[in-house]
Amino acid sequence: MAFPDSQAPSGALSLGAPVHAPLSVQRVNAAPGSSFLYSFPADGFQLLEVPKATVDGYDCPGGLYWLPQQVRIVNASGANGVRVLSEGESPAEAWRYVLQIQREKGSVVISPDLPVPSEALPNGAQPGGYLREAAVVWRGQPGSRFITPWDLCTPLPGDLPAKWTFDRSKYALWLWWLVASGQVPPVHPAFIEARKGDMRQRVAEVEARANMLPEEQRKRKVEEAKTAADAAEKAPVAAKAARKGSK
């Protein structure tokens, strides 16, 4: 999944409160959005830069890592196993079949209430899980937009829609912690080797196609492909780690 640039512009806010906590008083001009769960399938993975940090007692050396990649399961009744609730049923019942289906697929579902370590939260974000609820107004109608703490909002003047960016650095640190703490298993080496092979093949394809380009442009494209492939070769797979002070 591609995210916007991780550098938060001046004035960007980490909006919303953990679900079940009081809503933010400020309403921003943005479309509403449904709640969701994060599921981590065994074959979902990505290459991300993780900052050097100590998070929840785990020392992250920092650098480029192979990390699990989540699937966002949106709370849309009738889709992806989400139940249509009967009157009086608990909202949690909507996810009953979803959890069963994900387990059968070998995926790991992370509870939205699992606290995100403070070190993996953007500045100003409230403590809590990854699912947040922000108060919005859209086309004159108040509502709620379910977001993550890494979704940063920059309200704009007048009736302009708010601008959203994503703190990819802190998000990557959270993914690293999920693996280090044993919440999500490491990416299987077989998937990584297959991806590395694809990237090596990509270099050969770029070299072949770039022969007709001007020399400077050809060199740049080939160098970019080689740099990406080399980085992928050297990147370690995030693994379960020992916590400080544990025996």
C-alpha atoms as a PDB file:
ATOM      1  CA  MET A   1       0.000   0.000   0.000  1.00  0.00           C
ATOM      2  CA  ALA A   2       1.383   3.377  -0.936  1.00  0.00           C
ATOM      3  CA  PHE A   3       1.074   6.211   1.541  1.00  0.00           C
ATOM      4  CA  PRO A   4       1.560   9.945   1.146  1.00  0.00           C
ATOM      5  CA  ASP A   5       4.840  11.466   2.188  1.00  0.00           C
ATOM      6  CA  SER A   6       5.573  10.887   5.880  1.00  0.00           C
ATOM      7  CA  GLN A   7       6.797  14.403   6.553  1.00  0.00           C
ATOM      8  CA  ALA A   8       4.023  16.191   8.408  1.00  0.00           C
ATOM      9  CA  PRO A   9       3.442  19.752   7.147  1.00  0.00           C
ATOM     10  CA  SER A  10       3.340  22.627   9.587  1.00  0.00           C
ATOM     11  CA  GLY A  11      -0.023  22.702  11.347  1.00  0.00           C
ATOM     12  CA  ALA A  12      -0.805  19.010  10.778  1.00  0.00           C
ATOM     13  CA  LEU A  13      -2.731  17.399  13.619  1.00  0.00           C
ATOM     14  CA  SER A  14      -3.111  13.855  14.868  1.00  0.00           C
ATOM     15  CA  LEU A  15      -6.876  14.036  15.329  1.00  0.00           C
ATOM     16  CA  GLY A  16      -9.348  11.891  17.129  1.00  0.00           C
ATOM     17  CA  ALA A  17      -9.485   9.940  20.321  1.00  0.00           C
ATOM     18  CA  PRO A  18      -9.332   6.188  20.823  1.00  0.00           C
ATOM     19  CA  VAL A  19     -12.757   4.699  20.208  1.00  0.00           C
ATOM     20  CA  HIS A  20     -14.946   4.693  23.337  1.00  0.00           C
ATOM     21  CA  ALA A  21     -13.181   7.852  24.552  1.00  0.00           C
ATOM     22  CA  PRO A  22     -14.756  11.321  24.267  1.00  0.00           C
ATOM     23  CA  LEU A  23     -14.705  12.758  20.762  1.00  0.00           C
ATOM     24  CA  SER A  24     -12.601  15.704  19.782  1.00  0.00           C
ATOM     25  CA  VAL A  25     -14.518  18.955  20.090  1.00  0.00           C
ATOM     26  CA  GLN A  26     -13.074  20.248  16.821  1.00  0.00           C
ATOM     27  CA  ARG A  27     -14.880  19.205  13.663  1.00  0.00           C
ATOM     28  CA  VAL A  28     -12.916  19.308  10.454  1.00  0.00           C
ATOM     29  CA  ASN A  29     -14.197  19.489   6.907  1.00  0.00           C
ATOM     30  CA  ALA A  30     -13.711  15.893   5.782  1.00  0.00           C
ATOM     31  CA  ALA A  31     -15.747  12.979   4.504  1.00  0.00           C
ATOM     32  CA  PRO A  32     -16.925  10.468   7.126  1.00  0.00           C
ATOM     33  CA  GLY A  33     -15.433   6.984   7.179  1.00  0.00           C
ATOM     34  CA  SER A  34     -16.359   3.591   8.622  1.00  0.00           C
ATOM     35  CA  SER A  35     -14.538   1.762  11.395  1.00  0.00           C
ATOM     36  CA  PHE A  36     -12.178  -1.053  10.455  1.00  0.00           C
ATOM     37  CA  LEU A  37      -9.907  -3.843  11.656  1.00  0.00           C
ATOM     38  CA  TYR A  38      -6.292  -4.513  10.707  1.00  0.00           C
ATOM     39  CA  SER A  39      -5.572  -8.045   9.552  1.00  0.00           C
ATOM     40  CA  PHE A  40      -2.094  -9.320   8.692  1.00  0.00           C
ATOM     41  CA  PRO A  41      -2.099 -12.128   6.097  1.00  0.00           C
ATOM     42  CA  ALA A  42       0.939 -14.392   5.949  1.00  0.00           C
ATOM     43  CA  ASP A  43       1.705 -13.358   2.360  1.00  0.00           C
ATOM     44  CA  GLY A  44       1.415  -9.611   2.980  1.00  0.00           C
ATOM     45  CA  PHE A  45       4.742  -7.798   3.352  1.00  0.00           C
ATOM     46  CA  GLN A  46       6.538  -4.567   2.508  1.00  0.00           C
ATOM     47  CA  LEU A  47       9.923  -2.896   2.692  1.00  0.00           C
ATOM     48  CA  LEU A  48       9.962   0.177   4.944  1.00  0.00           C
ATOM     49  CA  GLU A  49      12.478   2.437   6.640  1.00  0.00           C
ATOM     50  CA  VAL A  50      12.184   2.135  10.422  1.00  0.00           C
ATOM     51  CA  PRO A  51      13.656   4.800  12.735  1.00  0.00           C
ATOM     52  CA  LYS A  52      16.170   3.896  15.417  1.00  0.00           C
ATOM     53  CA  ALA A  53      14.314   3.879  18.724  1.00  0.00           C
ATOM     54  CA  THR A  54      13.540   2.030  21.914  1.00  0.00           C
ATOM     55  CA  VAL A  55       9.867   1.179  21.772  1.00  0.00           C
ATOM     56  CA  ASP A  56       8.077  -0.462  24.700  1.00  0.00           C
ATOM     57  CA  GLY A  57      11.410  -1.805  25.946  1.00  0.00           C
ATOM     58  CA  TYR A  58      12.509  -3.220  22.578  1.00  0.00           C
ATOM     59  CA  ASP A  59      15.606  -1.746  20.936  1.00  0.00           C
ATOM     60  CA  CYS A  60      15.135  -1.110  17.232  1.00  0.00           C
ATOM     61  CA  PRO A  61      18.485  -0.513  15.463  1.00  0.00           C
ATOM     62  CA  GLY A  62      16.706   1.347  12.679  1.00  0.00           C
ATOM     63  CA  GLY A  63      17.114   0.940   8.949  1.00  0.00           C
ATOM     64  CA  LEU A  64      15.290  -0.737   6.078  1.00  0.00           C
ATOM     65  CA  TYR A  65      13.261  -3.801   7.139  1.00  0.00           C
ATOM     66  CA  TRP A  66      10.952  -6.350   5.598  1.00  0.00           C
ATOM     67  CA  LEU A  67       7.731  -5.904   7.569  1.00  0.00           C
ATOM     68  CA  PRO A  68       4.240  -7.387   7.517  1.00  0.00           C
ATOM     69  CA  GLN A  69       1.624  -5.438   5.577  1.00  0.00           C
ATOM     70  CA  GLN A  70      -1.893  -5.082   6.877  1.00  0.00           C
ATOM     71  CA  VAL A  71      -5.208  -5.451   5.113  1.00  0.00           C
ATOM     72  CA  ARG A  72      -7.863  -2.981   6.240  1.00  0.00           C
ATOM     73  CA  ILE A  73     -11.215  -4.708   6.725  1.00  0.00           C
ATOM     74  CA  VAL A  74     -13.864  -2.007   6.622  1.00  0.00           C
ATOM     75  CA  ASN A  75     -17.040  -2.284   8.690  1.00  0.00           C
ATOM     76  CA  ALA A  76     -19.419  -2.544   5.732  1.00  0.00           C
ATOM     77  CA  SER A  77     -22.366  -4.843   6.464  1.00  0.00           C
ATOM     78  CA  GLY A  78     -22.490  -7.821   4.131  1.00  0.00           C
ATOM     79  CA  ALA A  79     -18.917  -7.438   2.847  1.00  0.00           C
ATOM     80  CA  ASN A  80     -15.863  -9.490   3.882  1.00  0.00           C
ATOM     81  CA  GLY A  81     -17.924 -11.450   6.381  1.00  0.00           C
ATOM     82  CA  VAL A  82     -19.151  -8.375   8.286  1.00  0.00           C
ATOM     83  CA  ARG A  83     -22.540  -9.245   9.807  1.00  0.00           C
ATOM     84  CA  VAL A  84     -25.688  -7.192   9.463  1.00  0.00           C
ATOM     85  CA  LEU A  85     -26.611  -6.491  13.065  1.00  0.00           C
ATOM     86  CA  SER A  86     -30.038  -7.182  14.442  1.00  0.00           C
ATOM     87  CA  GLU A  87     -31.688  -4.667  16.739  1.00  0.00           C
ATOM     88  CA  GLY A  88     -30.088  -4.682  20.175  1.00  0.00           C
ATOM     89  CA  GLU A  89     -26.975  -6.625  19.191  1.00  0.00           C
ATOM     90  CA  SER A  90     -23.573  -5.485  20.371  1.00  0.00           C
ATOM     91  CA  PRO A  91     -21.508  -3.690  17.689  1.00  0.00           C
ATOM     92  CA  ALA A  92     -18.747  -6.255  18.307  1.00  0.00           C
ATOM     93  CA  GLU A  93     -21.026  -8.943  16.846  1.00  0.00           C
ATOM     94  CA  ALA A  94     -20.499  -7.413  13.399  1.00  0.00           C
ATOM     95  CA  TRP A  95     -16.977  -8.879  13.400  1.00  0.00           C
ATOM     96  CA  ARG A  96     -17.796 -12.422  14.555  1.00  0.00           C
ATOM     97  CA  TYR A  97     -17.549 -14.083  11.123  1.00  0.00           C
ATOM     98  CA  VAL A  98     -14.717 -11.818  10.041  1.00  0.00           C
ATOM     99  CA  LEU A  99     -12.506 -13.126  12.842  1.00  0.00           C
ATOM    100  CA  GLN A 100     -13.388 -16.716  11.991  1.00  0.00           C
ATOM    101  CA  ILE A 101     -12.644 -16.203   8.281  1.00  0.00           C
ATOM    102  CA  GLN A 102      -9.329 -14.500   8.993  1.00  0.00           C
ATOM    103  CA  ARG A 103      -8.232 -17.277  11.361  1.00  0.00           C
ATOM    104  CA  GLU A 104      -9.040 -19.892   8.725  1.00  0.00           C
ATOM    105  CA  LYS A 105      -6.878 -17.972   6.239  1.00  0.00           C
ATOM    106  CA  GLY A 106      -3.983 -17.917   8.685  1.00  0.00           C
ATOM    107  CA  SER A 107      -4.169 -14.157   9.112  1.00  0.00           C
ATOM    108  CA  VAL A 108      -3.574 -12.350  12.401  1.00  0.00           C
ATOM    109  CA  VAL A 109      -6.159  -9.764  13.404  1.00  0.00           C
ATOM    110  CA  ILE A 110      -4.922  -7.048  15.732  1.00  0.00           C
ATOM    111  CA  SER A 111      -7.477  -5.714  18.176  1.00  0.00           C
ATOM    112  CA  PRO A 112      -8.147  -2.006  17.644  1.00  0.00           C
ATOM    113  CA  ASP A 113      -7.921  -1.617  21.428  1.00  0.00           C
ATOM    114  CA  LEU A 114      -4.338  -2.943  21.667  1.00  0.00           C
ATOM    115  CA  PRO A 115      -2.408   0.083  22.989  1.00  0.00           C
ATOM    116  CA  VAL A 116       0.079   1.575  20.566  1.00  0.00           C
ATOM    117  CA  PRO A 117       3.405   2.206  22.347  1.00  0.00           C
ATOM    118  CA  SER A 118       3.911   5.900  22.963  1.00  0.00           C
ATOM    119  CA  GLU A 119       7.179   5.857  21.002  1.00  0.00           C
ATOM    120  CA  ALA A 120       5.253   4.773  17.885  1.00  0.00           C
ATOM    121  CA  LEU A 121       2.707   7.586  18.154  1.00  0.00           C
ATOM    122  CA  PRO A 122       3.050  10.965  16.396  1.00  0.00           C
ATOM    123  CA  ASN A 123       3.597  14.003  18.594  1.00  0.00           C
ATOM    124  CA  GLY A 124       0.341  15.044  20.228  1.00  0.00           C
ATOM    125  CA  ALA A 125      -1.513  11.783  19.587  1.00  0.00           C
ATOM    126  CA  GLN A 126      -3.571  10.458  22.479  1.00  0.00           C
ATOM    127  CA  PRO A 127      -2.723   7.082  24.051  1.00  0.00           C
ATOM    128  CA  GLY A 128      -4.793   4.127  22.893  1.00  0.00           C
ATOM    129  CA  GLY A 129      -5.218   1.645  20.078  1.00  0.00           C
ATOM    130  CA  TYR A 130      -4.875   2.124  16.333  1.00  0.00           C
ATOM    131  CA  LEU A 131      -8.553   2.883  15.691  1.00  0.00           C
ATOM    132  CA  ARG A 132      -9.466   6.525  16.310  1.00  0.00           C
ATOM    133  CA  GLU A 133     -12.692   8.459  15.826  1.00  0.00           C
ATOM    134  CA  ALA A 134     -12.543  12.057  14.621  1.00  0.00           C
ATOM    135  CA  ALA A 135     -15.464  14.463  14.470  1.00  0.00           C
ATOM    136  CA  VAL A 136     -16.054  15.758  10.939  1.00  0.00           C
ATOM    137  CA  VAL A 137     -18.576  17.766   8.985  1.00  0.00           C
ATOM    138  CA  TRP A 138     -19.159  16.998   5.316  1.00  0.00           C
ATOM    139  CA  ARG A 139     -21.455  18.971   3.034  1.00  0.00           C
ATOM    140  CA  GLY A 140     -23.068  20.487   6.092  1.00  0.00           C
ATOM    141  CA  GLN A 141     -23.693  17.162   7.848  1.00  0.00           C
ATOM    142  CA  PRO A 142     -21.855  16.213  11.052  1.00  0.00           C
ATOM    143  CA  GLY A 143     -20.392  12.749  11.286  1.00  0.00           C
ATOM    144  CA  SER A 144     -17.438  10.596  12.298  1.00  0.00           C
ATOM    145  CA  ARG A 145     -14.345   9.569  10.404  1.00  0.00           C
ATOM    146  CA  PHE A 146     -12.503   6.516  11.694  1.00  0.00           C
ATOM    147  CA  ILE A 147      -8.764   6.939  11.262  1.00  0.00           C
ATOM    148  CA  THR A 148      -5.443   5.813  12.726  1.00  0.00           C
ATOM    149  CA  PRO A 149      -3.164   7.918  14.936  1.00  0.00           C
ATOM    150  CA  TRP A 150      -0.765   8.130  11.969  1.00  0.00           C
ATOM    151  CA  ASP A 151      -3.358   9.911   9.809  1.00  0.00           C
ATOM    152  CA  LEU A 152      -2.441  13.565  10.264  1.00  0.00           C
ATOM    153  CA  CYS A 153      -4.931  16.280   9.425  1.00  0.00           C
ATOM    154  CA  THR A 154      -4.262  19.857   8.358  1.00  0.00           C
ATOM    155  CA  PRO A 155      -7.533  21.851   8.528  1.00  0.00           C
ATOM    156  CA  LEU A 156      -7.835  24.422   5.747  1.00  0.00           C
ATOM    157  CA  PRO A 157      -9.708  27.751   5.838  1.00  0.00           C
ATOM    158  CA  GLY A 158     -13.255  28.266   4.649  1.00  0.00           C
ATOM    159  CA  ASP A 159     -15.048  25.314   3.079  1.00  0.00           C
ATOM    160  CA  LEU A 160     -11.890  23.686   1.713  1.00  0.00           C
ATOM    161  CA  PRO A 161     -11.585  19.970   2.574  1.00  0.00           C
ATOM    162  CA  ALA A 162      -8.916  19.197   5.162  1.00  0.00           C
ATOM    163  CA  LYS A 163      -5.577  17.867   3.941  1.00  0.00           C
ATOM    164  CA  TRP A 164      -4.477  14.434   5.149  1.00  0.00           C
ATOM    165  CA  THR A 165      -0.945  13.061   5.371  1.00  0.00           C
ATOM    166  CA  PHE A 166       0.485   9.898   6.921  1.00  0.00           C
ATOM    167  CA  ASP A 167       3.303   9.510   9.452  1.00  0.00           C
ATOM    168  CA  ARG A 168       4.952   6.556   7.759  1.00  0.00           C
ATOM    169  CA  SER A 169       7.988   6.590  10.052  1.00  0.00           C
ATOM    170  CA  LYS A 170       6.017   6.091  13.279  1.00  0.00           C
ATOM    171  CA  TYR A 171       3.743   3.599  11.546  1.00  0.00           C
ATOM    172  CA  ALA A 172       6.770   1.553  10.437  1.00  0.00           C
ATOM    173  CA  LEU A 173       8.039   1.559  14.015  1.00  0.00           C
ATOM    174  CA  TRP A 174       4.668   0.206  15.158  1.00  0.00           C
ATOM    175  CA  LEU A 175       4.881  -2.615  12.593  1.00  0.00           C
ATOM    176  CA  TRP A 176       8.413  -3.440  13.757  1.00  0.00           C
ATOM    177  CA  TRP A 177       7.162  -3.555  17.375  1.00  0.00           C
ATOM    178  CA  LEU A 178       4.271  -5.850  16.447  1.00  0.00           C
ATOM    179  CA  VAL A 179       6.797  -8.391  15.187  1.00  0.00           C
ATOM    180  CA  ALA A 180       9.409  -7.806  17.914  1.00  0.00           C
ATOM    181  CA  SER A 181       6.795  -8.302  20.642  1.00  0.00           C
ATOM    182  CA  GLY A 182       5.322 -11.424  19.028  1.00  0.00           C
ATOM    183  CA  GLN A 183       1.958  -9.909  18.112  1.00  0.00           C
ATOM    184  CA  VAL A 184       2.477 -10.666  14.403  1.00  0.00           C
ATOM    185  CA  PRO A 185       4.841 -13.334  13.032  1.00  0.00           C
ATOM    186  CA  PRO A 186       7.832 -12.366  10.861  1.00  0.00           C
ATOM    187  CA  VAL A 187       7.453 -12.475   7.097  1.00  0.00           C
ATOM    188  CA  HIS A 188       8.329 -15.948   5.806  1.00  0.00           C
ATOM    189  CA  PRO A 189      11.723 -15.992   4.043  1.00  0.00           C
ATOM    190  CA  ALA A 190      10.228 -17.688   0.971  1.00  0.00           C
ATOM    191  CA  PHE A 191       8.138 -14.605   0.203  1.00  0.00           C
ATOM    192  CA  ILE A 192      11.156 -12.334   0.653  1.00  0.00           C
ATOM    193  CA  GLU A 193      13.366 -14.409  -1.657  1.00  0.00           C
ATOM    194  CA  ALA A 194      10.685 -14.389  -4.334  1.00  0.00           C
ATOM    195  CA  ARG A 195      10.397 -10.603  -4.127  1.00  0.00           C
ATOM    196  CA  LYS A 196      14.187 -10.201  -4.279  1.00  0.00           C
ATOM    197  CA  GLY A 197      14.212 -12.337  -7.405  1.00  0.00           C
ATOM    198  CA  ASP A 198      11.538 -10.108  -8.942  1.00  0.00           C
ATOM    199  CA  MET A 199      13.617  -7.021  -8.196  1.00  0.00           C
ATOM    200  CA  ARG A 200      16.753  -8.545  -9.744  1.00  0.00           C
ATOM    201  CA  GLN A 201      14.715  -9.378 -12.824  1.00  0.00           C
ATOM    202  CA  ARG A 202      13.449  -5.816 -12.827  1.00  0.00           C
ATOM    203  CA  VAL A 203      17.036  -4.546 -13.117  1.00  0.00           C
ATOM    204  CA  ALA A 204      17.596  -6.690 -16.201  1.00  0.00           C
ATOM    205  CA  GLU A 205      14.343  -5.454 -17.756  1.00  0.00           C
ATOM    206  CA  VAL A 206      15.224  -1.814 -17.101  1.00  0.00           C
ATOM    207  CA  GLU A 207      18.676  -2.306 -18.613  1.00  0.00           C
ATOM    208  CA  ALA A 208      17.150  -3.839 -21.735  1.00  0.00           C
ATOM    209  CA  ARG A 209      14.469  -1.183 -22.192  1.00  0.00           C
ATOM    210  CA  ALA A 210      16.757   1.742 -21.373  1.00  0.00           C
ATOM    211  CA  ASN A 211      19.177   1.043 -24.244  1.00  0.00           C
ATOM    212  CA  MET A 212      17.229   3.359 -26.531  1.00  0.00           C
ATOM    213  CA  LEU A 213      17.274   6.264 -24.070  1.00  0.00           C
ATOM    214  CA  PRO A 214      19.845   9.069 -23.922  1.00  0.00           C
ATOM    215  CA  GLU A 215      22.938   7.985 -21.980  1.00  0.00           C
ATOM    216  CA  GLU A 216      22.328  10.146 -18.904  1.00  0.00           C
ATOM    217  CA  GLN A 217      18.689   9.079 -18.615  1.00  0.00           C
ATOM    218  CA  ARG A 218      19.612   5.417 -19.195  1.00  0.00           C
ATOM    219  CA  LYS A 219      22.218   5.484 -16.421  1.00  0.00           C
ATOM    220  CA  ARG A 220      19.795   7.110 -13.987  1.00  0.00           C
ATOM    221  CA  LYS A 221      17.041   4.545 -14.541  1.00  0.00           C
ATOM    222  CA  VAL A 222      19.396   1.579 -14.310  1.00  0.00           C
ATOM    223  CA  GLU A 223      21.043   2.992 -11.183  1.00  0.00           C
ATOM    224  CA  GLU A 224      17.652   3.509  -9.528  1.00  0.00           C
ATOM    225  CA  ALA A 225      16.649  -0.105 -10.208  1.00  0.00           C
ATOM    226  CA  LYS A 226      20.009  -1.431  -8.977  1.00  0.00           C
ATOM    227  CA  THR A 227      19.888   0.692  -5.820  1.00  0.00           C
ATOM    228  CA  ALA A 228      16.401  -0.604  -4.966  1.00  0.00           C
ATOM    229  CA  ALA A 229      17.435  -4.218  -5.608  1.00  0.00           C
ATOM    230  CA  ASP A 230      20.620  -3.844  -3.531  1.00  0.00           C
ATOM    231  CA  ALA A 231      18.688  -2.316  -0.641  1.00  0.00           C
ATOM    232  CA  ALA A 232      16.184  -5.180  -0.750  1.00  0.00           C
ATOM    233  CA  GLU A 233      19.009  -7.736  -0.715  1.00  0.00           C
ATOM    234  CA  LYS A 234      20.611  -6.197   2.365  1.00  0.00           C
ATOM    235  CA  ALA A 235      17.418  -5.501   4.358  1.00  0.00           C
ATOM    236  CA  PRO A 236      16.791  -7.864   7.291  1.00  0.00           C
ATOM    237  CA  VAL A 237      13.441  -9.394   8.096  1.00  0.00           C
ATOM    238  CA  ALA A 238      11.938  -7.936  11.279  1.00  0.00           C
ATOM    239  CA  ALA A 239      11.979 -10.700  13.891  1.00  0.00           C
ATOM    240  CA  LYS A 240      10.786 -11.391  17.410  1.00  0.00           C
ATOM    241  CA  ALA A 241      13.152  -9.752  19.887  1.00  0.00           C
ATOM    242  CA  ALA A 242      14.027  -9.821  23.584  1.00  0.00           C
ATOM    243  CA  ARG A 243      12.684  -7.033  25.729  1.00  0.00           C
ATOM    244  CA  LYS A 244      15.034  -5.092  27.984  1.00  0.00           C
ATOM    245  CA  GLY A 245      15.270  -6.677  31.393  1.00  0.00           C
ATOM    246  CA  SER A 246      13.676  -9.972  30.308  1.00  0.00           C
ATOM    247  CA  LYS A 247      15.489 -13.212  31.016  1.00  0.00           C
END
